[in-house]
PDB file of N, CA and C in Angstrom:
ATOM      1  N   MET A   1     -18.402  -9.576   5.184  1.00  0.00           N
ATOM      2  CA  MET A   1     -17.352  -9.306   4.225  1.00  0.00           C
ATOM      3  C   MET A   1     -17.456  -7.881   3.692  1.00  0.00           C
ATOM      4  N   ASP A   2     -18.698  -7.442   3.413  1.00  0.00           N
ATOM      5  CA  ASP A   2     -18.867  -6.089   2.886  1.00  0.00           C
ATOM      6  C   ASP A   2     -18.335  -5.039   3.851  1.00  0.00           C
ATOM      7  N   ARG A   3     -18.501  -5.286   5.137  1.00  0.00           N
ATOM      8  CA  ARG A   3     -18.007  -4.322   6.128  1.00  0.00           C
ATOM      9  C   ARG A   3     -16.496  -4.178   6.017  1.00  0.00           C
ATOM     10  N   TYR A   4     -15.790  -5.289   5.852  1.00  0.00           N
ATOM     11  CA  TYR A   4     -14.326  -5.236   5.731  1.00  0.00           C
ATOM     12  C   TYR A   4     -13.908  -4.499   4.467  1.00  0.00           C
ATOM     13  N   LEU A   5     -14.608  -4.765   3.378  1.00  0.00           N
ATOM     14  CA  LEU A   5     -14.296  -4.063   2.129  1.00  0.00           C
ATOM     15  C   LEU A   5     -14.574  -2.569   2.261  1.00  0.00           C
ATOM     16  N   ASP A   6     -15.666  -2.235   2.932  1.00  0.00           N
ATOM     17  CA  ASP A   6     -15.978  -0.825   3.158  1.00  0.00           C
ATOM     18  C   ASP A   6     -14.899  -0.156   4.013  1.00  0.00           C
ATOM     19  N   ASP A   7     -14.438  -0.865   5.045  1.00  0.00           N
ATOM     20  CA  ASP A   7     -13.376  -0.323   5.906  1.00  0.00           C
ATOM     21  C   ASP A   7     -12.084  -0.125   5.126  1.00  0.00           C
ATOM     22  N   LEU A   8     -11.719  -1.117   4.305  1.00  0.00           N
ATOM     23  CA  LEU A   8     -10.504  -0.994   3.488  1.00  0.00           C
ATOM     24  C   LEU A   8     -10.622   0.175   2.521  1.00  0.00           C
ATOM     25  N   ASP A   9     -11.787   0.318   1.906  1.00  0.00           N
ATOM     26  CA  ASP A   9     -12.000   1.415   0.971  1.00  0.00           C
ATOM     27  C   ASP A   9     -11.884   2.758   1.686  1.00  0.00           C
ATOM     28  N   ARG A  10     -12.555   2.901   2.805  1.00  0.00           N
ATOM     29  CA  ARG A  10     -12.529   4.162   3.562  1.00  0.00           C
ATOM     30  C   ARG A  10     -11.117   4.500   4.026  1.00  0.00           C
ATOM     31  N   ASP A  11     -10.440   3.522   4.634  1.00  0.00           N
ATOM     32  CA  ASP A  11      -9.095   3.764   5.148  1.00  0.00           C
ATOM     33  C   ASP A  11      -8.098   4.020   4.025  1.00  0.00           C
ATOM     34  N   GLY A  12      -8.238   3.290   2.931  1.00  0.00           N
ATOM     35  CA  GLY A  12      -7.347   3.480   1.790  1.00  0.00           C
ATOM     36  C   GLY A  12      -7.497   4.862   1.189  1.00  0.00           C
ATOM     37  N   ARG A  13      -8.744   5.302   1.030  1.00  0.00           N
ATOM     38  CA  ARG A  13      -8.981   6.644   0.483  1.00  0.00           C
ATOM     39  C   ARG A  13      -8.430   7.723   1.401  1.00  0.00           C
ATOM     40  N   ALA A  14      -8.608   7.547   2.707  1.00  0.00           N
ATOM     41  CA  ALA A  14      -8.086   8.522   3.670  1.00  0.00           C
ATOM     42  C   ALA A  14      -6.563   8.576   3.594  1.00  0.00           C
ATOM     43  N   PHE A  15      -5.933   7.411   3.500  1.00  0.00           N
ATOM     44  CA  PHE A  15      -4.478   7.378   3.408  1.00  0.00           C
ATOM     45  C   PHE A  15      -4.002   8.071   2.135  1.00  0.00           C
ATOM     46  N   LEU A  16      -4.636   7.766   1.011  1.00  0.00           N
ATOM     47  CA  LEU A  16      -4.231   8.362  -0.260  1.00  0.00           C
ATOM     48  C   LEU A  16      -4.402   9.878  -0.257  1.00  0.00           C
ATOM     49  N   GLU A  17      -5.390  10.358   0.452  1.00  0.00           N
ATOM     50  CA  GLU A  17      -5.614  11.799   0.528  1.00  0.00           C
ATOM     51  C   GLU A  17      -4.544  12.484   1.372  1.00  0.00           C
ATOM     52  N   LEU A  18      -4.124  11.836   2.443  1.00  0.00           N
ATOM     53  CA  LEU A  18      -3.193  12.461   3.378  1.00  0.00           C
ATOM     54  C   LEU A  18      -1.729  12.171   3.089  1.00  0.00           C
ATOM     55  N   ALA A  19      -1.433  11.063   2.454  1.00  0.00           N
ATOM     56  CA  ALA A  19      -0.040  10.645   2.249  1.00  0.00           C
ATOM     57  C   ALA A  19       0.831  11.718   1.598  1.00  0.00           C
ATOM     58  N   PRO A  20       0.367  12.397   0.544  1.00  0.00           N
ATOM     59  CA  PRO A  20       1.242  13.397  -0.086  1.00  0.00           C
ATOM     60  C   PRO A  20       1.654  14.525   0.862  1.00  0.00           C
ATOM     61  N   LEU A  21       0.889  14.730   1.918  1.00  0.00           N
ATOM     62  CA  LEU A  21       1.194  15.795   2.866  1.00  0.00           C
ATOM     63  C   LEU A  21       2.214  15.371   3.921  1.00  0.00           C
ATOM     64  N   ALA A  22       2.523  14.070   3.973  1.00  0.00           N
ATOM     65  CA  ALA A  22       3.351  13.579   5.068  1.00  0.00           C
ATOM     66  C   ALA A  22       4.436  12.599   4.624  1.00  0.00           C
ATOM     67  N   LEU A  23       4.867  12.661   3.384  1.00  0.00           N
ATOM     68  CA  LEU A  23       5.852  11.691   2.898  1.00  0.00           C
ATOM     69  C   LEU A  23       7.170  11.757   3.655  1.00  0.00           C
ATOM     70  N   ASP A  24       7.500  12.930   4.177  1.00  0.00           N
ATOM     71  CA  ASP A  24       8.777  13.065   4.883  1.00  0.00           C
ATOM     72  C   ASP A  24       8.629  12.986   6.400  1.00  0.00           C
ATOM     73  N   GLN A  25       7.429  12.687   6.878  1.00  0.00           N
ATOM     74  CA  GLN A  25       7.172  12.629   8.317  1.00  0.00           C
ATOM     75  C   GLN A  25       7.401  11.218   8.857  1.00  0.00           C
ATOM     76  N   PRO A  26       7.937  11.100  10.082  1.00  0.00           N
ATOM     77  CA  PRO A  26       8.118   9.760  10.671  1.00  0.00           C
ATOM     78  C   PRO A  26       6.764   9.097  10.950  1.00  0.00           C
ATOM     79  N   VAL A  27       6.754   7.781  10.899  1.00  0.00           N
ATOM     80  CA  VAL A  27       5.550   7.001  11.197  1.00  0.00           C
ATOM     81  C   VAL A  27       5.749   6.414  12.585  1.00  0.00           C
ATOM     82  N   ASP A  28       4.957   6.894  13.541  1.00  0.00           N
ATOM     83  CA  ASP A  28       5.144   6.518  14.943  1.00  0.00           C
ATOM     84  C   ASP A  28       5.158   5.019  15.185  1.00  0.00           C
ATOM     85  N   HIS A  29       4.287   4.292  14.529  1.00  0.00           N
ATOM     86  CA  HIS A  29       4.148   2.859  14.800  1.00  0.00           C
ATOM     87  C   HIS A  29       5.053   1.990  13.930  1.00  0.00           C
ATOM     88  N   CYS A  30       5.873   2.621  13.113  1.00  0.00           N
ATOM     89  CA  CYS A  30       6.810   1.900  12.255  1.00  0.00           C
ATOM     90  C   CYS A  30       8.182   2.548  12.398  1.00  0.00           C
ATOM     91  N   PRO A  31       8.908   2.211  13.464  1.00  0.00           N
ATOM     92  CA  PRO A  31      10.203   2.852  13.716  1.00  0.00           C
ATOM     93  C   PRO A  31      11.124   2.780  12.498  1.00  0.00           C
ATOM     94  N   GLY A  32      11.704   3.934  12.156  1.00  0.00           N
ATOM     95  CA  GLY A  32      12.625   4.001  11.035  1.00  0.00           C
ATOM     96  C   GLY A  32      11.948   4.278   9.707  1.00  0.00           C
ATOM     97  N   TRP A  33      10.628   4.304   9.695  1.00  0.00           N
ATOM     98  CA  TRP A  33       9.889   4.559   8.455  1.00  0.00           C
ATOM     99  C   TRP A  33       9.402   5.995   8.434  1.00  0.00           C
ATOM    100  N   ASP A  34       9.294   6.530   7.218  1.00  0.00           N
ATOM    101  CA  ASP A  34       8.614   7.801   7.027  1.00  0.00           C
ATOM    102  C   ASP A  34       7.381   7.547   6.163  1.00  0.00           C
ATOM    103  N   GLY A  35       6.635   8.605   5.884  1.00  0.00           N
ATOM    104  CA  GLY A  35       5.419   8.454   5.099  1.00  0.00           C
ATOM    105  C   GLY A  35       5.664   7.847   3.735  1.00  0.00           C
ATOM    106  N   ALA A  36       6.804   8.175   3.120  1.00  0.00           N
ATOM    107  CA  ALA A  36       7.129   7.618   1.801  1.00  0.00           C
ATOM    108  C   ALA A  36       7.319   6.104   1.880  1.00  0.00           C
ATOM    109  N   ALA A  37       8.005   5.635   2.914  1.00  0.00           N
ATOM    110  CA  ALA A  37       8.201   4.186   3.071  1.00  0.00           C
ATOM    111  C   ALA A  37       6.865   3.484   3.289  1.00  0.00           C
ATOM    112  N   LEU A  38       5.999   4.096   4.090  1.00  0.00           N
ATOM    113  CA  LEU A  38       4.687   3.500   4.335  1.00  0.00           C
ATOM    114  C   LEU A  38       3.850   3.497   3.061  1.00  0.00           C
ATOM    115  N   ALA A  39       3.876   4.596   2.314  1.00  0.00           N
ATOM    116  CA  ALA A  39       3.124   4.663   1.057  1.00  0.00           C
ATOM    117  C   ALA A  39       3.629   3.610   0.073  1.00  0.00           C
ATOM    118  N   SER A  40       4.941   3.441  -0.019  1.00  0.00           N
ATOM    119  CA  SER A  40       5.509   2.424  -0.909  1.00  0.00           C
ATOM    120  C   SER A  40       5.071   1.031  -0.489  1.00  0.00           C
ATOM    121  N   HIS A  41       5.135   0.773   0.813  1.00  0.00           N
ATOM    122  CA  HIS A  41       4.746  -0.540   1.331  1.00  0.00           C
ATOM    123  C   HIS A  41       3.267  -0.824   1.038  1.00  0.00           C
ATOM    124  N   LEU A  42       2.401   0.126   1.390  1.00  0.00           N
ATOM    125  CA  LEU A  42       0.973  -0.097   1.165  1.00  0.00           C
ATOM    126  C   LEU A  42       0.659  -0.230  -0.315  1.00  0.00           C
ATOM    127  N   GLY A  43       1.315   0.566  -1.154  1.00  0.00           N
ATOM    128  CA  GLY A  43       1.101   0.451  -2.589  1.00  0.00           C
ATOM    129  C   GLY A  43       1.455  -0.929  -3.097  1.00  0.00           C
ATOM    130  N   ARG A  44       2.551  -1.454  -2.598  1.00  0.00           N
ATOM    131  CA  ARG A  44       2.979  -2.789  -3.027  1.00  0.00           C
ATOM    132  C   ARG A  44       2.025  -3.869  -2.509  1.00  0.00           C
ATOM    133  N   VAL A  45       1.570  -3.714  -1.285  1.00  0.00           N
ATOM    134  CA  VAL A  45       0.593  -4.663  -0.724  1.00  0.00           C
ATOM    135  C   VAL A  45      -0.695  -4.627  -1.535  1.00  0.00           C
ATOM    136  N   TRP A  46      -1.199  -3.423  -1.824  1.00  0.00           N
ATOM    137  CA  TRP A  46      -2.434  -3.302  -2.598  1.00  0.00           C
ATOM    138  C   TRP A  46      -2.250  -3.861  -4.005  1.00  0.00           C
ATOM    139  N   HIS A  47      -1.084  -3.623  -4.595  1.00  0.00           N
ATOM    140  CA  HIS A  47      -0.820  -4.160  -5.935  1.00  0.00           C
ATOM    141  C   HIS A  47      -0.811  -5.697  -5.881  1.00  0.00           C
ATOM    142  N   SER A  48      -0.189  -6.238  -4.845  1.00  0.00           N
ATOM    143  CA  SER A  48      -0.152  -7.693  -4.687  1.00  0.00           C
ATOM    144  C   SER A  48      -1.563  -8.261  -4.541  1.00  0.00           C
ATOM    145  N   MET A  49      -2.390  -7.604  -3.740  1.00  0.00           N
ATOM    146  CA  MET A  49      -3.768  -8.080  -3.571  1.00  0.00           C
ATOM    147  C   MET A  49      -4.515  -8.043  -4.904  1.00  0.00           C
ATOM    148  N   ALA A  50      -4.331  -6.982  -5.670  1.00  0.00           N
ATOM    149  CA  ALA A  50      -4.991  -6.881  -6.969  1.00  0.00           C
ATOM    150  C   ALA A  50      -4.518  -7.988  -7.905  1.00  0.00           C
ATOM    151  N   MET A  51      -3.226  -8.300  -7.864  1.00  0.00           N
ATOM    152  CA  MET A  51      -2.699  -9.383  -8.698  1.00  0.00           C
ATOM    153  C   MET A  51      -3.316 -10.717  -8.291  1.00  0.00           C
ATOM    154  N   HIS A  52      -3.439 -10.955  -6.979  1.00  0.00           N
ATOM    155  CA  HIS A  52      -4.042 -12.201  -6.507  1.00  0.00           C
ATOM    156  C   HIS A  52      -5.481 -12.332  -7.006  1.00  0.00           C
ATOM    157  N   VAL A  53      -6.228 -11.247  -6.915  1.00  0.00           N
ATOM    158  CA  VAL A  53      -7.630 -11.290  -7.349  1.00  0.00           C
ATOM    159  C   VAL A  53      -7.720 -11.483  -8.858  1.00  0.00           C
ATOM    160  N   SER A  54      -6.946 -10.702  -9.613  1.00  0.00           N
ATOM    161  CA  SER A  54      -7.050 -10.784 -11.070  1.00  0.00           C
ATOM    162  C   SER A  54      -6.586 -12.129 -11.610  1.00  0.00           C
ATOM    163  N   ARG A  55      -5.625 -12.740 -10.947  1.00  0.00           N
ATOM    164  CA  ARG A  55      -5.136 -14.060 -11.380  1.00  0.00           C
ATOM    165  C   ARG A  55      -5.925 -15.204 -10.745  1.00  0.00           C
ATOM    166  N   ARG A  56      -6.776 -14.854  -9.806  1.00  0.00           N
ATOM    167  CA  ARG A  56      -7.487 -15.872  -9.022  1.00  0.00           C
ATOM    168  C   ARG A  56      -6.495 -16.843  -8.386  1.00  0.00           C
ATOM    169  N   ALA A  57      -5.413 -16.248  -7.878  1.00  0.00           N
ATOM    170  CA  ALA A  57      -4.331 -17.046  -7.297  1.00  0.00           C
ATOM    171  C   ALA A  57      -4.797 -17.723  -6.012  1.00  0.00           C
ATOM    172  N   THR A  58      -4.406 -18.962  -5.856  1.00  0.00           N
ATOM    173  CA  THR A  58      -4.718 -19.703  -4.632  1.00  0.00           C
ATOM    174  C   THR A  58      -3.487 -19.869  -3.765  1.00  0.00           C
ATOM    175  N   GLU A  59      -2.354 -19.414  -4.260  1.00  0.00           N
ATOM    176  CA  GLU A  59      -1.105 -19.441  -3.494  1.00  0.00           C
ATOM    177  C   GLU A  59      -0.465 -18.061  -3.587  1.00  0.00           C
ATOM    178  N   MET A  60       0.465 -17.805  -2.684  1.00  0.00           N
ATOM    179  CA  MET A  60       1.132 -16.508  -2.679  1.00  0.00           C
ATOM    180  C   MET A  60       1.864 -16.263  -3.996  1.00  0.00           C
ATOM    181  N   ILE A  61       1.742 -15.056  -4.489  1.00  0.00           N
ATOM    182  CA  ILE A  61       2.522 -14.644  -5.652  1.00  0.00           C
ATOM    183  C   ILE A  61       3.897 -14.240  -5.136  1.00  0.00           C
ATOM    184  N   PRO A  62       4.964 -14.747  -5.727  1.00  0.00           N
ATOM    185  CA  PRO A  62       6.304 -14.401  -5.243  1.00  0.00           C
ATOM    186  C   PRO A  62       6.526 -12.885  -5.231  1.00  0.00           C
ATOM    187  N   ALA A  63       7.169 -12.408  -4.192  1.00  0.00           N
ATOM    188  CA  ALA A  63       7.392 -10.978  -4.010  1.00  0.00           C
ATOM    189  C   ALA A  63       8.116 -10.352  -5.195  1.00  0.00           C
ATOM    190  N   ASP A  64       8.999 -11.121  -5.840  1.00  0.00           N
ATOM    191  CA  ASP A  64       9.747 -10.536  -6.960  1.00  0.00           C
ATOM    192  C   ASP A  64       8.882 -10.332  -8.210  1.00  0.00           C
ATOM    193  N   GLU A  65       7.651 -10.854  -8.200  1.00  0.00           N
ATOM    194  CA  GLU A  65       6.723 -10.620  -9.309  1.00  0.00           C
ATOM    195  C   GLU A  65       5.872  -9.368  -9.102  1.00  0.00           C
ATOM    196  N   VAL A  66       5.875  -8.847  -7.879  1.00  0.00           N
ATOM    197  CA  VAL A  66       5.091  -7.654  -7.571  1.00  0.00           C
ATOM    198  C   VAL A  66       5.961  -6.438  -7.860  1.00  0.00           C
ATOM    199  N   PRO A  67       5.522  -5.567  -8.774  1.00  0.00           N
ATOM    200  CA  PRO A  67       6.344  -4.415  -9.126  1.00  0.00           C
ATOM    201  C   PRO A  67       6.645  -3.526  -7.934  1.00  0.00           C
ATOM    202  N   ARG A  68       7.837  -2.978  -7.928  1.00  0.00           N
ATOM    203  CA  ARG A  68       8.219  -2.022  -6.897  1.00  0.00           C
ATOM    204  C   ARG A  68       7.618  -0.661  -7.248  1.00  0.00           C
ATOM    205  N   PRO A  69       7.179   0.070  -6.245  1.00  0.00           N
ATOM    206  CA  PRO A  69       6.598   1.386  -6.510  1.00  0.00           C
ATOM    207  C   PRO A  69       7.689   2.387  -6.923  1.00  0.00           C
ATOM    208  N   PRO A  70       7.265   3.465  -7.556  1.00  0.00           N
ATOM    209  CA  PRO A  70       8.241   4.488  -7.913  1.00  0.00           C
ATOM    210  C   PRO A  70       8.816   5.147  -6.657  1.00  0.00           C
ATOM    211  N   SER A  71       9.882   5.872  -6.828  1.00  0.00           N
ATOM    212  CA  SER A  71      10.483   6.570  -5.692  1.00  0.00           C
ATOM    213  C   SER A  71      10.544   8.056  -5.990  1.00  0.00           C
ATOM    214  N   GLY A  72      10.943   8.812  -4.998  1.00  0.00           N
ATOM    215  CA  GLY A  72      11.104  10.253  -5.171  1.00  0.00           C
ATOM    216  C   GLY A  72       9.789  10.930  -5.541  1.00  0.00           C
ATOM    217  N   ASP A  73       9.883  11.919  -6.420  1.00  0.00           N
ATOM    218  CA  ASP A  73       8.707  12.692  -6.807  1.00  0.00           C
ATOM    219  C   ASP A  73       7.659  11.831  -7.517  1.00  0.00           C
ATOM    220  N   ALA A  74       8.067  10.742  -8.139  1.00  0.00           N
ATOM    221  CA  ALA A  74       7.126   9.872  -8.843  1.00  0.00           C
ATOM    222  C   ALA A  74       6.187   9.151  -7.878  1.00  0.00           C
ATOM    223  N   LEU A  75       6.619   8.997  -6.623  1.00  0.00           N
ATOM    224  CA  LEU A  75       5.780   8.322  -5.643  1.00  0.00           C
ATOM    225  C   LEU A  75       4.516   9.126  -5.438  1.00  0.00           C
TER     226      LEU A  75
END
């Protein structure tokens, strides 16, 4: 389990470091997405995971309860 957490931490930090440099760039493996769309998606996924942990949820938290990330320059 620790290995997976370490991988998530490493990959997440790398993404956060590079994302601001590529918000307007296309994402090869996600047709139609740019860096901003990917950053928004990952932010929402990470927020959802944090909500699950903090609530000790045993079932999915409805998507409409997970806040939407900011857009534009606020992202």
